[in-house]
All heavy atoms as atom14 arrays in JSON, in Angstrom:
{
  "sequence": "IVVVAQAGSAKERELASTGGSSAGVAEFDLRKGLAIAVFSGVMSGCF",
  "atom14_mask": [
    [1, 1, 1, 1, 1, 1, 1, 1, 0, 0, 0, 0, 0, 0],
    [1, 1, 1, 1, 1, 1, 1, 0, 0, 0, 0, 0, 0, 0],
    [1, 1, 1, 1, 1, 1, 1, 0, 0, 0, 0, 0, 0, 0],
    [1, 1, 1, 1, 1, 1, 1, 0, 0, 0, 0, 0, 0, 0],
    [1, 1, 1, 1, 1, 0, 0, 0, 0, 0, 0, 0, 0, 0],
    [1, 1, 1, 1, 1, 1, 1, 1, 1, 0, 0, 0, 0, 0],
    [1, 1, 1, 1, 1, 0, 0, 0, 0, 0, 0, 0, 0, 0],
    [1, 1, 1, 1, 0, 0, 0, 0, 0, 0, 0, 0, 0, 0],
    [1, 1, 1, 1, 1, 1, 0, 0, 0, 0, 0, 0, 0, 0],
    [1, 1, 1, 1, 1, 0, 0, 0, 0, 0, 0, 0, 0, 0],
    [1, 1, 1, 1, 1, 1, 1, 1, 1, 0, 0, 0, 0, 0],
    [1, 1, 1, 1, 1, 1, 1, 1, 1, 0, 0, 0, 0, 0],
    [1, 1, 1, 1, 1, 1, 1, 1, 1, 1, 1, 0, 0, 0],
    [1, 1, 1, 1, 1, 1, 1, 1, 1, 0, 0, 0, 0, 0],
    [1, 1, 1, 1, 1, 1, 1, 1, 0, 0, 0, 0, 0, 0],
    [1, 1, 1, 1, 1, 0, 0, 0, 0, 0, 0, 0, 0, 0],
    [1, 1, 1, 1, 1, 1, 0, 0, 0, 0, 0, 0, 0, 0],
    [1, 1, 1, 1, 1, 1, 1, 0, 0, 0, 0, 0, 0, 0],
    [1, 1, 1, 1, 0, 0, 0, 0, 0, 0, 0, 0, 0, 0],
    [1, 1, 1, 1, 0, 0, 0, 0, 0, 0, 0, 0, 0, 0],
    [1, 1, 1, 1, 1, 1, 0, 0, 0, 0, 0, 0, 0, 0],
    [1, 1, 1, 1, 1, 1, 0, 0, 0, 0, 0, 0, 0, 0],
    [1, 1, 1, 1, 1, 0, 0, 0, 0, 0, 0, 0, 0, 0],
    [1, 1, 1, 1, 0, 0, 0, 0, 0, 0, 0, 0, 0, 0],
    [1, 1, 1, 1, 1, 1, 1, 0, 0, 0, 0, 0, 0, 0],
    [1, 1, 1, 1, 1, 0, 0, 0, 0, 0, 0, 0, 0, 0],
    [1, 1, 1, 1, 1, 1, 1, 1, 1, 0, 0, 0, 0, 0],
    [1, 1, 1, 1, 1, 1, 1, 1, 1, 1, 1, 0, 0, 0],
    [1, 1, 1, 1, 1, 1, 1, 1, 0, 0, 0, 0, 0, 0],
    [1, 1, 1, 1, 1, 1, 1, 1, 0, 0, 0, 0, 0, 0],
    [1, 1, 1, 1, 1, 1, 1, 1, 1, 1, 1, 0, 0, 0],
    [1, 1, 1, 1, 1, 1, 1, 1, 1, 0, 0, 0, 0, 0],
    [1, 1, 1, 1, 0, 0, 0, 0, 0, 0, 0, 0, 0, 0],
    [1, 1, 1, 1, 1, 1, 1, 1, 0, 0, 0, 0, 0, 0],
    [1, 1, 1, 1, 1, 0, 0, 0, 0, 0, 0, 0, 0, 0],
    [1, 1, 1, 1, 1, 1, 1, 1, 0, 0, 0, 0, 0, 0],
    [1, 1, 1, 1, 1, 0, 0, 0, 0, 0, 0, 0, 0, 0],
    [1, 1, 1, 1, 1, 1, 1, 0, 0, 0, 0, 0, 0, 0],
    [1, 1, 1, 1, 1, 1, 1, 1, 1, 1, 1, 0, 0, 0],
    [1, 1, 1, 1, 1, 1, 0, 0, 0, 0, 0, 0, 0, 0],
    [1, 1, 1, 1, 0, 0, 0, 0, 0, 0, 0, 0, 0, 0],
    [1, 1, 1, 1, 1, 1, 1, 0, 0, 0, 0, 0, 0, 0],
    [1, 1, 1, 1, 1, 1, 1, 1, 0, 0, 0, 0, 0, 0],
    [1, 1, 1, 1, 1, 1, 0, 0, 0, 0, 0, 0, 0, 0],
    [1, 1, 1, 1, 0, 0, 0, 0, 0, 0, 0, 0, 0, 0],
    [1, 1, 1, 1, 1, 1, 0, 0, 0, 0, 0, 0, 0, 0],
    [1, 1, 1, 1, 1, 1, 1, 1, 1, 1, 1, 0, 0, 0]
  ],
  "atom14_positions": [
    [[121.29, 103.1, 108.83], [120.3, 102.51, 109.75], [119.14, 103.47, 109.99], [117.93, 103.16, 109.92], [120.97, 102.33, 111.13], [122.02, 101.08, 110.93], [119.91, 101.95, 112.17], [122.76, 100.92, 112.21], [0.0, 0.0, 0.0], [0.0, 0.0, 0.0], [0.0, 0.0, 0.0], [0.0, 0.0, 0.0], [0.0, 0.0, 0.0], [0.0, 0.0, 0.0]],
    [[119.39, 104.82, 110.1], [118.31, 105.79, 110.29], [117.44, 105.82, 109.02], [116.25, 105.9, 109.15], [118.91, 107.2, 110.56], [117.85, 108.14, 110.56], [119.69, 107.1, 111.9], [0.0, 0.0, 0.0], [0.0, 0.0, 0.0], [0.0, 0.0, 0.0], [0.0, 0.0, 0.0], [0.0, 0.0, 0.0], [0.0, 0.0, 0.0], [0.0, 0.0, 0.0]],
    [[118.09, 105.79, 107.82], [117.26, 105.9, 106.63], [116.31, 104.69, 106.48], [115.21, 104.84, 106.14], [118.15, 106.0, 105.28], [117.38, 105.9, 104.13], [118.99, 107.32, 105.43], [0.0, 0.0, 0.0], [0.0, 0.0, 0.0], [0.0, 0.0, 0.0], [0.0, 0.0, 0.0], [0.0, 0.0, 0.0], [0.0, 0.0, 0.0], [0.0, 0.0, 0.0]],
    [[116.95, 103.49, 106.76], [116.02, 102.22, 106.65], [114.94, 102.3, 107.68], [113.74, 101.94, 107.37], [116.86, 100.94, 106.84], [115.93, 99.8, 106.97], [117.84, 100.8, 105.71], [0.0, 0.0, 0.0], [0.0, 0.0, 0.0], [0.0, 0.0, 0.0], [0.0, 0.0, 0.0], [0.0, 0.0, 0.0], [0.0, 0.0, 0.0], [0.0, 0.0, 0.0]],
    [[115.21, 102.78, 108.95], [114.15, 102.88, 109.89], [113.08, 103.91, 109.48], [111.9, 103.64, 109.69], [114.82, 103.32, 111.19], [0.0, 0.0, 0.0], [0.0, 0.0, 0.0], [0.0, 0.0, 0.0], [0.0, 0.0, 0.0], [0.0, 0.0, 0.0], [0.0, 0.0, 0.0], [0.0, 0.0, 0.0], [0.0, 0.0, 0.0], [0.0, 0.0, 0.0]],
    [[113.5, 105.02, 108.89], [112.48, 106.02, 108.46], [111.57, 105.47, 107.33], [110.42, 105.68, 107.33], [113.21, 107.25, 107.96], [113.98, 108.06, 109.01], [112.94, 108.75, 109.93], [111.77, 109.01, 109.61], [113.35, 109.15, 111.16], [0.0, 0.0, 0.0], [0.0, 0.0, 0.0], [0.0, 0.0, 0.0], [0.0, 0.0, 0.0], [0.0, 0.0, 0.0]],
    [[112.25, 104.61, 106.47], [111.43, 104.01, 105.42], [110.46, 103.06, 105.93], [109.35, 103.01, 105.5], [112.39, 103.33, 104.44], [0.0, 0.0, 0.0], [0.0, 0.0, 0.0], [0.0, 0.0, 0.0], [0.0, 0.0, 0.0], [0.0, 0.0, 0.0], [0.0, 0.0, 0.0], [0.0, 0.0, 0.0], [0.0, 0.0, 0.0], [0.0, 0.0, 0.0]],
    [[110.85, 102.28, 107.01], [109.9, 101.3, 107.57], [108.8, 102.1, 108.19], [107.67, 101.56, 108.13], [0.0, 0.0, 0.0], [0.0, 0.0, 0.0], [0.0, 0.0, 0.0], [0.0, 0.0, 0.0], [0.0, 0.0, 0.0], [0.0, 0.0, 0.0], [0.0, 0.0, 0.0], [0.0, 0.0, 0.0], [0.0, 0.0, 0.0], [0.0, 0.0, 0.0]],
    [[109.0, 103.18, 108.85], [107.96, 103.94, 109.51], [107.03, 104.44, 108.45], [105.81, 104.45, 108.62], [108.62, 105.1, 110.33], [107.61, 105.88, 110.95], [0.0, 0.0, 0.0], [0.0, 0.0, 0.0], [0.0, 0.0, 0.0], [0.0, 0.0, 0.0], [0.0, 0.0, 0.0], [0.0, 0.0, 0.0], [0.0, 0.0, 0.0], [0.0, 0.0, 0.0]],
    [[107.59, 105.0, 107.34], [106.82, 105.53, 106.18], [105.81, 104.45, 105.68], [104.7, 104.71, 105.41], [107.63, 106.12, 105.16], [0.0, 0.0, 0.0], [0.0, 0.0, 0.0], [0.0, 0.0, 0.0], [0.0, 0.0, 0.0], [0.0, 0.0, 0.0], [0.0, 0.0, 0.0], [0.0, 0.0, 0.0], [0.0, 0.0, 0.0], [0.0, 0.0, 0.0]],
    [[106.43, 103.29, 105.51], [105.56, 102.2, 104.96], [104.42, 101.81, 105.99], [103.25, 101.73, 105.45], [106.46, 100.85, 104.83], [105.71, 99.64, 104.29], [106.52, 98.36, 104.53], [106.32, 97.94, 105.98], [106.85, 96.56, 106.15], [0.0, 0.0, 0.0], [0.0, 0.0, 0.0], [0.0, 0.0, 0.0], [0.0, 0.0, 0.0], [0.0, 0.0, 0.0]],
    [[104.68, 101.88, 107.24], [103.56, 101.57, 108.19], [102.53, 102.59, 108.11], [101.29, 102.27, 108.19], [104.14, 101.44, 109.55], [105.03, 100.18, 109.86], [104.33, 98.91, 109.59], [103.21, 98.73, 110.16], [104.8, 98.05, 108.84], [0.0, 0.0, 0.0], [0.0, 0.0, 0.0], [0.0, 0.0, 0.0], [0.0, 0.0, 0.0], [0.0, 0.0, 0.0]],
    [[102.89, 103.87, 108.01], [101.89, 104.92, 107.99], [101.03, 104.78, 106.65], [99.82, 105.07, 106.71], [102.62, 106.31, 107.98], [103.23, 106.69, 109.28], [103.54, 108.17, 109.25], [104.47, 108.52, 108.25], [105.76, 108.56, 108.29], [106.32, 108.15, 109.55], [106.51, 108.93, 107.31], [0.0, 0.0, 0.0], [0.0, 0.0, 0.0], [0.0, 0.0, 0.0]],
    [[101.62, 104.43, 105.55], [100.99, 104.27, 104.3], [100.01, 103.14, 104.28], [98.87, 103.27, 103.81], [102.01, 104.09, 103.14], [102.81, 105.37, 102.81], [103.98, 105.04, 101.88], [104.18, 103.94, 101.47], [104.71, 106.04, 101.62], [0.0, 0.0, 0.0], [0.0, 0.0, 0.0], [0.0, 0.0, 0.0], [0.0, 0.0, 0.0], [0.0, 0.0, 0.0]],
    [[100.41, 101.99, 104.93], [99.54, 100.86, 105.03], [98.32, 101.25, 106.01], [97.24, 100.83, 105.67], [100.33, 99.62, 105.51], [101.32, 99.02, 104.65], [102.05, 97.87, 105.34], [100.63, 98.47, 103.45], [0.0, 0.0, 0.0], [0.0, 0.0, 0.0], [0.0, 0.0, 0.0], [0.0, 0.0, 0.0], [0.0, 0.0, 0.0], [0.0, 0.0, 0.0]],
    [[98.57, 101.98, 107.02], [97.42, 102.34, 107.9], [96.48, 103.14, 107.15], [95.28, 103.12, 107.37], [97.98, 103.05, 109.16], [0.0, 0.0, 0.0], [0.0, 0.0, 0.0], [0.0, 0.0, 0.0], [0.0, 0.0, 0.0], [0.0, 0.0, 0.0], [0.0, 0.0, 0.0], [0.0, 0.0, 0.0], [0.0, 0.0, 0.0], [0.0, 0.0, 0.0]],
    [[97.03, 104.16, 106.35], [96.06, 105.07, 105.65], [95.22, 104.44, 104.59], [94.12, 104.85, 104.33], [96.78, 106.23, 104.94], [97.67, 105.59, 103.88], [0.0, 0.0, 0.0], [0.0, 0.0, 0.0], [0.0, 0.0, 0.0], [0.0, 0.0, 0.0], [0.0, 0.0, 0.0], [0.0, 0.0, 0.0], [0.0, 0.0, 0.0], [0.0, 0.0, 0.0]],
    [[95.59, 103.19, 104.19], [94.78, 102.48, 103.22], [94.07, 101.26, 103.85], [93.62, 100.46, 103.11], [95.72, 101.96, 101.97], [96.81, 101.1, 102.52], [96.37, 103.04, 101.28], [0.0, 0.0, 0.0], [0.0, 0.0, 0.0], [0.0, 0.0, 0.0], [0.0, 0.0, 0.0], [0.0, 0.0, 0.0], [0.0, 0.0, 0.0], [0.0, 0.0, 0.0]],
    [[94.19, 101.18, 105.11], [93.57, 100.04, 105.84], [94.47, 98.73, 105.88], [93.85, 97.75, 106.22], [0.0, 0.0, 0.0], [0.0, 0.0, 0.0], [0.0, 0.0, 0.0], [0.0, 0.0, 0.0], [0.0, 0.0, 0.0], [0.0, 0.0, 0.0], [0.0, 0.0, 0.0], [0.0, 0.0, 0.0], [0.0, 0.0, 0.0], [0.0, 0.0, 0.0]],
    [[95.7, 98.92, 105.44], [96.44, 97.61, 105.39], [96.99, 97.2, 106.72], [96.98, 96.03, 107.07], [0.0, 0.0, 0.0], [0.0, 0.0, 0.0], [0.0, 0.0, 0.0], [0.0, 0.0, 0.0], [0.0, 0.0, 0.0], [0.0, 0.0, 0.0], [0.0, 0.0, 0.0], [0.0, 0.0, 0.0], [0.0, 0.0, 0.0], [0.0, 0.0, 0.0]],
    [[97.33, 98.1, 107.58], [97.68, 97.75, 109.02], [97.8, 99.0, 109.8], [97.59, 100.1, 109.29], [99.15, 97.09, 109.0], [100.1, 97.99, 108.57], [0.0, 0.0, 0.0], [0.0, 0.0, 0.0], [0.0, 0.0, 0.0], [0.0, 0.0, 0.0], [0.0, 0.0, 0.0], [0.0, 0.0, 0.0], [0.0, 0.0, 0.0], [0.0, 0.0, 0.0]],
    [[97.98, 98.89, 111.12], [98.0, 100.02, 111.9], [99.36, 100.63, 112.11], [100.29, 99.91, 112.56], [97.45, 99.65, 113.32], [97.59, 100.75, 114.23], [0.0, 0.0, 0.0], [0.0, 0.0, 0.0], [0.0, 0.0, 0.0], [0.0, 0.0, 0.0], [0.0, 0.0, 0.0], [0.0, 0.0, 0.0], [0.0, 0.0, 0.0], [0.0, 0.0, 0.0]],
    [[99.57, 101.86, 111.69], [100.85, 102.47, 111.89], [101.04, 103.2, 113.09], [102.17, 103.49, 113.54], [101.16, 103.33, 110.66], [0.0, 0.0, 0.0], [0.0, 0.0, 0.0], [0.0, 0.0, 0.0], [0.0, 0.0, 0.0], [0.0, 0.0, 0.0], [0.0, 0.0, 0.0], [0.0, 0.0, 0.0], [0.0, 0.0, 0.0], [0.0, 0.0, 0.0]],
    [[99.98, 103.54, 113.82], [100.1, 104.4, 115.01], [100.71, 103.6, 116.14], [100.5, 102.31, 116.19], [0.0, 0.0, 0.0], [0.0, 0.0, 0.0], [0.0, 0.0, 0.0], [0.0, 0.0, 0.0], [0.0, 0.0, 0.0], [0.0, 0.0, 0.0], [0.0, 0.0, 0.0], [0.0, 0.0, 0.0], [0.0, 0.0, 0.0], [0.0, 0.0, 0.0]],
    [[101.43, 104.12, 117.0], [102.06, 103.46, 118.08], [101.01, 103.6, 119.26], [100.99, 104.64, 120.0], [103.4, 104.03, 118.4], [104.04, 103.21, 119.5], [104.28, 104.07, 117.23], [0.0, 0.0, 0.0], [0.0, 0.0, 0.0], [0.0, 0.0, 0.0], [0.0, 0.0, 0.0], [0.0, 0.0, 0.0], [0.0, 0.0, 0.0], [0.0, 0.0, 0.0]],
    [[100.13, 102.65, 119.44], [99.08, 102.78, 120.43], [99.61, 103.08, 121.82], [98.95, 103.73, 122.56], [98.31, 101.51, 120.44], [0.0, 0.0, 0.0], [0.0, 0.0, 0.0], [0.0, 0.0, 0.0], [0.0, 0.0, 0.0], [0.0, 0.0, 0.0], [0.0, 0.0, 0.0], [0.0, 0.0, 0.0], [0.0, 0.0, 0.0], [0.0, 0.0, 0.0]],
    [[100.78, 102.53, 122.16], [101.23, 102.67, 123.56], [102.39, 103.57, 123.59], [103.4, 103.49, 124.39], [101.61, 101.34, 124.14], [100.49, 100.37, 124.24], [100.91, 99.0, 124.89], [101.21, 99.03, 126.08], [101.0, 98.09, 124.09], [0.0, 0.0, 0.0], [0.0, 0.0, 0.0], [0.0, 0.0, 0.0], [0.0, 0.0, 0.0], [0.0, 0.0, 0.0]],
    [[102.51, 104.58, 122.73], [103.6, 105.47, 122.55], [103.94, 106.21, 123.85], [103.06, 106.79, 124.54], [103.47, 106.5, 121.36], [104.64, 107.48, 121.28], [105.72, 106.97, 120.37], [104.74, 108.73, 121.84], [106.76, 107.83, 120.25], [105.85, 109.53, 121.67], [106.85, 109.04, 120.85], [0.0, 0.0, 0.0], [0.0, 0.0, 0.0], [0.0, 0.0, 0.0]],
    [[105.15, 106.03, 124.26], [105.67, 106.67, 125.58], [107.09, 107.05, 125.36], [107.94, 106.23, 125.42], [105.41, 105.76, 126.74], [105.74, 106.41, 128.06], [106.63, 107.28, 128.19], [104.97, 106.09, 129.05], [0.0, 0.0, 0.0], [0.0, 0.0, 0.0], [0.0, 0.0, 0.0], [0.0, 0.0, 0.0], [0.0, 0.0, 0.0], [0.0, 0.0, 0.0]],
    [[107.34, 108.33, 125.05], [108.72, 108.78, 124.75], [109.77, 108.52, 125.89], [110.75, 107.96, 125.62], [108.69, 110.26, 124.36], [110.08, 110.82, 123.84], [110.52, 110.11, 122.58], [109.95, 112.3, 123.69], [0.0, 0.0, 0.0], [0.0, 0.0, 0.0], [0.0, 0.0, 0.0], [0.0, 0.0, 0.0], [0.0, 0.0, 0.0], [0.0, 0.0, 0.0]],
    [[109.29, 108.87, 127.06], [110.26, 108.8, 128.18], [110.57, 107.29, 128.46], [111.68, 106.85, 128.5], [109.59, 109.45, 129.41], [110.64, 109.3, 130.62], [110.06, 110.08, 131.78], [109.98, 111.49, 131.62], [109.48, 112.37, 132.42], [109.06, 111.97, 133.58], [109.48, 113.71, 132.14], [0.0, 0.0, 0.0], [0.0, 0.0, 0.0], [0.0, 0.0, 0.0]],
    [[109.5, 106.46, 128.52], [109.77, 104.98, 128.8], [110.46, 104.39, 127.58], [111.29, 103.59, 127.76], [108.38, 104.36, 129.1], [108.47, 102.9, 129.42], [107.15, 102.23, 129.56], [106.29, 102.82, 130.75], [104.97, 102.14, 130.9], [0.0, 0.0, 0.0], [0.0, 0.0, 0.0], [0.0, 0.0, 0.0], [0.0, 0.0, 0.0], [0.0, 0.0, 0.0]],
    [[109.96, 104.75, 126.38], [110.49, 104.19, 125.17], [111.97, 104.43, 125.02], [112.75, 103.58, 124.75], [0.0, 0.0, 0.0], [0.0, 0.0, 0.0], [0.0, 0.0, 0.0], [0.0, 0.0, 0.0], [0.0, 0.0, 0.0], [0.0, 0.0, 0.0], [0.0, 0.0, 0.0], [0.0, 0.0, 0.0], [0.0, 0.0, 0.0], [0.0, 0.0, 0.0]],
    [[112.43, 105.71, 125.2], [113.79, 105.96, 125.07], [114.65, 105.32, 126.13], [115.69, 104.8, 125.85], [113.9, 107.5, 125.24], [113.57, 108.42, 124.03], [113.66, 109.82, 124.29], [114.35, 107.98, 122.75], [0.0, 0.0, 0.0], [0.0, 0.0, 0.0], [0.0, 0.0, 0.0], [0.0, 0.0, 0.0], [0.0, 0.0, 0.0], [0.0, 0.0, 0.0]],
    [[114.12, 105.16, 127.39], [114.92, 104.5, 128.46], [115.13, 103.11, 128.09], [116.23, 102.57, 128.24], [114.17, 104.66, 129.78], [0.0, 0.0, 0.0], [0.0, 0.0, 0.0], [0.0, 0.0, 0.0], [0.0, 0.0, 0.0], [0.0, 0.0, 0.0], [0.0, 0.0, 0.0], [0.0, 0.0, 0.0], [0.0, 0.0, 0.0], [0.0, 0.0, 0.0]],
    [[114.03, 102.39, 127.56], [114.26, 101.0, 127.17], [115.06, 100.77, 125.92], [115.98, 100.02, 125.81], [112.78, 100.38, 126.92], [111.97, 100.35, 128.22], [112.99, 98.99, 126.27], [110.56, 99.92, 128.01], [0.0, 0.0, 0.0], [0.0, 0.0, 0.0], [0.0, 0.0, 0.0], [0.0, 0.0, 0.0], [0.0, 0.0, 0.0], [0.0, 0.0, 0.0]],
    [[114.98, 101.73, 125.02], [115.79, 101.72, 123.83], [117.32, 101.86, 124.1], [118.13, 101.21, 123.61], [115.41, 102.83, 122.83], [0.0, 0.0, 0.0], [0.0, 0.0, 0.0], [0.0, 0.0, 0.0], [0.0, 0.0, 0.0], [0.0, 0.0, 0.0], [0.0, 0.0, 0.0], [0.0, 0.0, 0.0], [0.0, 0.0, 0.0], [0.0, 0.0, 0.0]],
    [[117.56, 102.84, 125.04], [119.02, 102.98, 125.43], [119.54, 101.76, 126.18], [120.57, 101.28, 125.83], [119.11, 104.21, 126.3], [120.54, 104.28, 126.93], [118.81, 105.54, 125.59], [0.0, 0.0, 0.0], [0.0, 0.0, 0.0], [0.0, 0.0, 0.0], [0.0, 0.0, 0.0], [0.0, 0.0, 0.0], [0.0, 0.0, 0.0], [0.0, 0.0, 0.0]],
    [[118.68, 101.24, 127.07], [119.07, 99.94, 127.73], [119.3, 98.8, 126.72], [120.29, 98.15, 126.74], [117.97, 99.55, 128.7], [118.23, 98.27, 129.49], [119.05, 98.22, 130.59], [117.72, 97.07, 129.03], [119.33, 97.1, 131.23], [117.95, 95.83, 129.66], [118.75, 95.89, 130.8], [0.0, 0.0, 0.0], [0.0, 0.0, 0.0], [0.0, 0.0, 0.0]],
    [[118.35, 98.64, 125.85], [118.43, 97.57, 124.8], [119.65, 97.75, 123.94], [120.41, 96.8, 123.63], [117.1, 97.48, 123.97], [117.26, 96.51, 122.93], [0.0, 0.0, 0.0], [0.0, 0.0, 0.0], [0.0, 0.0, 0.0], [0.0, 0.0, 0.0], [0.0, 0.0, 0.0], [0.0, 0.0, 0.0], [0.0, 0.0, 0.0], [0.0, 0.0, 0.0]],
    [[119.91, 98.96, 123.48], [120.97, 99.27, 122.55], [122.34, 99.0, 123.25], [123.26, 98.39, 122.63], [0.0, 0.0, 0.0], [0.0, 0.0, 0.0], [0.0, 0.0, 0.0], [0.0, 0.0, 0.0], [0.0, 0.0, 0.0], [0.0, 0.0, 0.0], [0.0, 0.0, 0.0], [0.0, 0.0, 0.0], [0.0, 0.0, 0.0], [0.0, 0.0, 0.0]],
    [[122.43, 99.47, 124.47], [123.7, 99.27, 125.14], [123.96, 97.83, 125.46], [125.02, 97.34, 125.28], [123.68, 100.16, 126.49], [124.97, 99.8, 127.3], [123.74, 101.59, 126.13], [0.0, 0.0, 0.0], [0.0, 0.0, 0.0], [0.0, 0.0, 0.0], [0.0, 0.0, 0.0], [0.0, 0.0, 0.0], [0.0, 0.0, 0.0], [0.0, 0.0, 0.0]],
    [[122.92, 97.17, 126.02], [123.11, 95.76, 126.32], [123.41, 94.81, 125.09], [124.15, 93.9, 125.14], [121.81, 95.21, 127.06], [121.62, 95.8, 128.41], [122.9, 95.39, 129.62], [123.74, 96.91, 129.73], [0.0, 0.0, 0.0], [0.0, 0.0, 0.0], [0.0, 0.0, 0.0], [0.0, 0.0, 0.0], [0.0, 0.0, 0.0], [0.0, 0.0, 0.0]],
    [[122.72, 95.1, 124.0], [122.88, 94.34, 122.81], [124.32, 94.46, 122.22], [124.88, 93.51, 121.71], [121.99, 94.72, 121.64], [120.59, 94.54, 122.1], [0.0, 0.0, 0.0], [0.0, 0.0, 0.0], [0.0, 0.0, 0.0], [0.0, 0.0, 0.0], [0.0, 0.0, 0.0], [0.0, 0.0, 0.0], [0.0, 0.0, 0.0], [0.0, 0.0, 0.0]],
    [[124.91, 95.64, 122.37], [126.34, 95.83, 121.98], [127.29, 95.05, 122.91], [128.48, 94.91, 122.6], [0.0, 0.0, 0.0], [0.0, 0.0, 0.0], [0.0, 0.0, 0.0], [0.0, 0.0, 0.0], [0.0, 0.0, 0.0], [0.0, 0.0, 0.0], [0.0, 0.0, 0.0], [0.0, 0.0, 0.0], [0.0, 0.0, 0.0], [0.0, 0.0, 0.0]],
    [[126.83, 94.61, 123.98], [127.77, 93.85, 124.97], [128.34, 92.55, 124.36], [129.32, 92.13, 124.86], [127.01, 93.51, 126.24], [126.78, 95.01, 127.36], [0.0, 0.0, 0.0], [0.0, 0.0, 0.0], [0.0, 0.0, 0.0], [0.0, 0.0, 0.0], [0.0, 0.0, 0.0], [0.0, 0.0, 0.0], [0.0, 0.0, 0.0], [0.0, 0.0, 0.0]],
    [[127.64, 92.03, 123.32], [128.16, 90.86, 122.77], [129.59, 90.99, 122.14], [130.39, 90.19, 122.26], [127.17, 90.37, 121.53], [127.39, 88.92, 121.3], [126.55, 88.01, 121.67], [128.37, 88.43, 120.36], [126.61, 86.71, 121.35], [128.47, 87.08, 120.05], [127.63, 86.25, 120.55], [0.0, 0.0, 0.0], [0.0, 0.0, 0.0], [0.0, 0.0, 0.0]]
  ]
}
């Protein structure tokens, strides 16, 4: 999962550098993002 996620991030960076799409996370917020990610991950596993 981590390797695939890293590959996806690398693809976005490459596309941004060639004008294909934006790889930057315009609203990057580590504290808020990690809190939401933990909530989402835990809740999704509830199935």
